[in-house]
Amino acid sequence: MGTPETQTDGSVVDGCPRCGWPENEIYQVLSRHLTSEGVVTYTRCACGEVQVRVQPYAAGRVVAASCGSSRDDSAPPGR
């Protein structure tokens, strides 16, 4: 995660509250779970502190698309 995390009290954390390890340098992933809100990841910092991170679902950017030359352009999309 490359952006600072917001805590429930509104404060922003950009490093481990215990040792200051940068939050975007995950030391160890313990587990990762899909939820209705997004992806919840449990991580361990280099100092041993366990952290819970939430990555909300959002529209992703397009990384590949066909040029469309192989399909019949008169057909409606999805057919």
N, C-alpha and C. Protein backbone atom coordinates (compact mmCIF):
# COMPACT_ATOMS: atom_id res chain seq x y z
N MET A 1 0.84 -1.17 0.00
CA MET A 1 0.00 0.00 0.00
C MET A 1 0.88 1.23 0.00
N GLY A 2 0.68 2.07 -0.97
CA GLY A 2 1.58 3.19 -1.11
C GLY A 2 1.10 4.48 -0.50
N THR A 3 -0.11 4.53 0.07
CA THR A 3 -0.61 5.76 0.65
C THR A 3 -0.80 5.59 2.14
N PRO A 4 -0.72 6.69 2.89
CA PRO A 4 -0.91 6.58 4.34
C PRO A 4 -2.30 6.04 4.68
N GLU A 5 -2.41 5.32 5.78
CA GLU A 5 -3.67 4.75 6.21
C GLU A 5 -4.34 5.66 7.21
N THR A 6 -5.68 5.72 7.16
CA THR A 6 -6.44 6.53 8.09
C THR A 6 -7.01 5.63 9.18
N GLN A 7 -6.80 5.99 10.42
CA GLN A 7 -7.30 5.23 11.56
C GLN A 7 -8.75 5.60 11.82
N THR A 8 -9.43 4.82 12.65
CA THR A 8 -10.83 5.07 12.96
C THR A 8 -11.03 6.42 13.65
N ASP A 9 -10.02 6.93 14.33
CA ASP A 9 -10.14 8.23 14.98
C ASP A 9 -9.79 9.39 14.05
N GLY A 10 -9.51 9.08 12.76
CA GLY A 10 -9.21 10.11 11.77
C GLY A 10 -7.73 10.41 11.62
N SER A 11 -6.88 9.89 12.50
CA SER A 11 -5.45 10.14 12.38
C SER A 11 -4.87 9.31 11.23
N VAL A 12 -3.79 9.79 10.65
CA VAL A 12 -3.16 9.12 9.51
C VAL A 12 -1.86 8.47 9.97
N VAL A 13 -1.66 7.22 9.54
CA VAL A 13 -0.45 6.48 9.88
C VAL A 13 0.33 6.24 8.60
N ASP A 14 1.58 6.69 8.53
CA ASP A 14 2.40 6.42 7.36
C ASP A 14 3.60 5.56 7.72
N GLY A 15 3.62 5.08 8.94
CA GLY A 15 4.67 4.18 9.41
C GLY A 15 4.16 3.41 10.60
N CYS A 16 4.89 2.39 10.99
CA CYS A 16 4.50 1.60 12.16
C CYS A 16 4.47 2.50 13.39
N PRO A 17 3.37 2.47 14.15
CA PRO A 17 3.31 3.32 15.34
C PRO A 17 4.31 2.90 16.41
N ARG A 18 4.82 1.69 16.34
CA ARG A 18 5.76 1.19 17.35
C ARG A 18 7.21 1.53 17.00
N CYS A 19 7.60 1.30 15.71
CA CYS A 19 9.01 1.49 15.37
C CYS A 19 9.26 2.47 14.22
N GLY A 20 8.19 2.87 13.50
CA GLY A 20 8.35 3.81 12.40
C GLY A 20 8.65 3.18 11.05
N TRP A 21 8.68 1.84 10.98
CA TRP A 21 8.93 1.15 9.70
C TRP A 21 7.92 1.67 8.67
N PRO A 22 8.37 2.02 7.45
CA PRO A 22 7.46 2.57 6.44
C PRO A 22 6.30 1.62 6.13
N GLU A 23 5.07 2.12 6.15
CA GLU A 23 3.90 1.27 5.95
C GLU A 23 3.83 0.71 4.53
N ASN A 24 4.49 1.33 3.58
CA ASN A 24 4.46 0.82 2.20
C ASN A 24 5.49 -0.27 1.97
N GLU A 25 6.30 -0.59 2.96
CA GLU A 25 7.26 -1.70 2.87
C GLU A 25 6.80 -2.82 3.81
N ILE A 26 5.87 -3.64 3.30
CA ILE A 26 5.31 -4.72 4.12
C ILE A 26 6.40 -5.75 4.40
N TYR A 27 6.62 -6.04 5.67
CA TYR A 27 7.66 -6.98 6.07
C TYR A 27 7.20 -8.42 5.87
N GLN A 28 5.98 -8.76 6.33
CA GLN A 28 5.45 -10.11 6.20
C GLN A 28 3.93 -10.06 6.12
N VAL A 29 3.36 -10.76 5.12
CA VAL A 29 1.91 -10.89 5.01
C VAL A 29 1.51 -12.16 5.76
N LEU A 30 0.63 -12.01 6.75
CA LEU A 30 0.15 -13.15 7.53
C LEU A 30 -1.05 -13.80 6.86
N SER A 31 -2.01 -13.00 6.42
CA SER A 31 -3.17 -13.52 5.70
C SER A 31 -3.86 -12.38 4.96
N ARG A 32 -4.69 -12.77 4.00
CA ARG A 32 -5.41 -11.81 3.17
C ARG A 32 -6.81 -12.37 2.95
N HIS A 33 -7.84 -11.53 3.12
CA HIS A 33 -9.23 -11.98 3.02
C HIS A 33 -10.07 -11.00 2.22
N LEU A 34 -10.96 -11.51 1.37
CA LEU A 34 -11.91 -10.68 0.66
C LEU A 34 -13.11 -10.44 1.57
N THR A 35 -13.55 -9.20 1.67
CA THR A 35 -14.74 -8.85 2.45
C THR A 35 -15.65 -8.00 1.59
N SER A 36 -16.81 -7.65 2.11
CA SER A 36 -17.73 -6.80 1.35
C SER A 36 -17.19 -5.38 1.19
N GLU A 37 -16.27 -4.97 2.03
CA GLU A 37 -15.70 -3.62 1.97
C GLU A 37 -14.44 -3.54 1.13
N GLY A 38 -13.77 -4.65 0.91
CA GLY A 38 -12.52 -4.66 0.17
C GLY A 38 -11.66 -5.83 0.62
N VAL A 39 -10.35 -5.67 0.48
CA VAL A 39 -9.42 -6.72 0.88
C VAL A 39 -8.81 -6.34 2.22
N VAL A 40 -8.93 -7.24 3.20
CA VAL A 40 -8.34 -7.05 4.52
C VAL A 40 -7.06 -7.88 4.57
N THR A 41 -5.95 -7.25 4.92
CA THR A 41 -4.67 -7.93 4.98
C THR A 41 -4.09 -7.78 6.39
N TYR A 42 -3.70 -8.90 6.96
CA TYR A 42 -3.02 -8.90 8.26
C TYR A 42 -1.53 -9.02 7.97
N THR A 43 -0.75 -8.06 8.47
CA THR A 43 0.69 -8.05 8.22
C THR A 43 1.45 -7.98 9.54
N ARG A 44 2.73 -8.32 9.46
CA ARG A 44 3.62 -8.19 10.62
C ARG A 44 4.74 -7.24 10.22
N CYS A 45 5.00 -6.28 11.09
CA CYS A 45 6.08 -5.32 10.88
C CYS A 45 7.42 -5.99 11.23
N ALA A 46 8.50 -5.36 10.86
CA ALA A 46 9.84 -5.87 11.18
C ALA A 46 10.05 -5.96 12.70
N CYS A 47 9.34 -5.12 13.47
CA CYS A 47 9.48 -5.14 14.93
C CYS A 47 8.58 -6.17 15.59
N GLY A 48 7.72 -6.83 14.79
CA GLY A 48 6.82 -7.84 15.33
C GLY A 48 5.39 -7.38 15.51
N GLU A 49 5.12 -6.09 15.39
CA GLU A 49 3.76 -5.54 15.54
C GLU A 49 2.86 -6.09 14.44
N VAL A 50 1.67 -6.60 14.81
CA VAL A 50 0.70 -7.07 13.82
C VAL A 50 -0.18 -5.89 13.42
N GLN A 51 -0.40 -5.74 12.12
CA GLN A 51 -1.19 -4.63 11.59
C GLN A 51 -2.32 -5.17 10.74
N VAL A 52 -3.44 -4.45 10.72
CA VAL A 52 -4.58 -4.79 9.88
C VAL A 52 -4.73 -3.68 8.86
N ARG A 53 -4.75 -4.04 7.59
CA ARG A 53 -4.85 -3.07 6.51
C ARG A 53 -6.10 -3.36 5.70
N VAL A 54 -6.80 -2.32 5.25
CA VAL A 54 -7.98 -2.49 4.41
C VAL A 54 -7.75 -1.75 3.10
N GLN A 55 -7.88 -2.46 2.01
CA GLN A 55 -7.79 -1.87 0.67
C GLN A 55 -9.20 -1.89 0.11
N PRO A 56 -9.89 -0.73 0.09
CA PRO A 56 -11.27 -0.71 -0.41
C PRO A 56 -11.34 -1.07 -1.89
N TYR A 57 -12.47 -1.66 -2.28
CA TYR A 57 -12.69 -1.94 -3.69
C TYR A 57 -12.84 -0.62 -4.44
N ALA A 58 -12.25 -0.56 -5.60
CA ALA A 58 -12.36 0.63 -6.46
C ALA A 58 -12.18 0.18 -7.90
N ALA A 59 -12.64 1.00 -8.79
CA ALA A 59 -12.45 0.68 -10.21
C ALA A 59 -10.97 0.71 -10.53
N GLY A 60 -10.50 -0.32 -11.17
CA GLY A 60 -9.08 -0.39 -11.54
C GLY A 60 -8.85 0.25 -12.90
N ARG A 61 -7.62 0.46 -13.23
CA ARG A 61 -7.30 1.03 -14.53
C ARG A 61 -7.18 -0.09 -15.56
N VAL A 62 -7.41 0.23 -16.81
CA VAL A 62 -7.32 -0.75 -17.88
C VAL A 62 -5.85 -1.00 -18.18
N VAL A 63 -5.44 -2.28 -18.15
CA VAL A 63 -4.05 -2.62 -18.43
C VAL A 63 -3.90 -3.33 -19.76
N ALA A 64 -5.00 -3.81 -20.34
CA ALA A 64 -4.96 -4.45 -21.65
C ALA A 64 -6.34 -4.37 -22.27
N ALA A 65 -6.39 -4.21 -23.58
CA ALA A 65 -7.64 -4.18 -24.31
C ALA A 65 -7.37 -4.63 -25.74
N SER A 66 -8.37 -5.24 -26.35
CA SER A 66 -8.19 -5.65 -27.74
C SER A 66 -8.39 -4.45 -28.64
N CYS A 67 -7.84 -4.52 -29.82
CA CYS A 67 -7.97 -3.40 -30.75
C CYS A 67 -9.31 -3.44 -31.48
N GLY A 68 -10.05 -4.55 -31.36
CA GLY A 68 -11.37 -4.63 -31.94
C GLY A 68 -11.39 -5.06 -33.40
N SER A 69 -10.24 -5.29 -34.02
CA SER A 69 -10.22 -5.63 -35.44
C SER A 69 -10.67 -7.06 -35.71
N SER A 70 -10.70 -7.93 -34.70
CA SER A 70 -11.06 -9.33 -34.92
C SER A 70 -12.55 -9.60 -34.74
N ARG A 71 -13.34 -8.64 -34.27
CA ARG A 71 -14.77 -8.87 -34.08
C ARG A 71 -15.58 -8.12 -35.13
N ASP A 72 -16.81 -8.53 -35.30
CA ASP A 72 -17.71 -7.89 -36.23
C ASP A 72 -18.22 -6.60 -35.62
N ASP A 73 -17.82 -5.45 -36.16
CA ASP A 73 -18.18 -4.15 -35.57
C ASP A 73 -19.66 -3.85 -35.67
N SER A 74 -20.43 -4.59 -36.46
CA SER A 74 -21.87 -4.34 -36.55
C SER A 74 -22.62 -5.02 -35.41
N ALA A 75 -21.99 -5.95 -34.72
CA ALA A 75 -22.65 -6.65 -33.62
C ALA A 75 -22.62 -5.77 -32.38
N PRO A 76 -23.73 -5.75 -31.59
CA PRO A 76 -23.71 -4.97 -30.36
C PRO A 76 -22.70 -5.55 -29.38
N PRO A 77 -22.17 -4.71 -28.47
CA PRO A 77 -21.20 -5.18 -27.47
C PRO A 77 -21.78 -6.33 -26.64
N GLY A 78 -20.96 -7.29 -26.32
CA GLY A 78 -21.38 -8.40 -25.49
C GLY A 78 -21.98 -9.56 -26.27
N ARG A 79 -22.01 -9.46 -27.57
CA ARG A 79 -22.57 -10.56 -28.38
C ARG A 79 -21.56 -11.11 -29.33
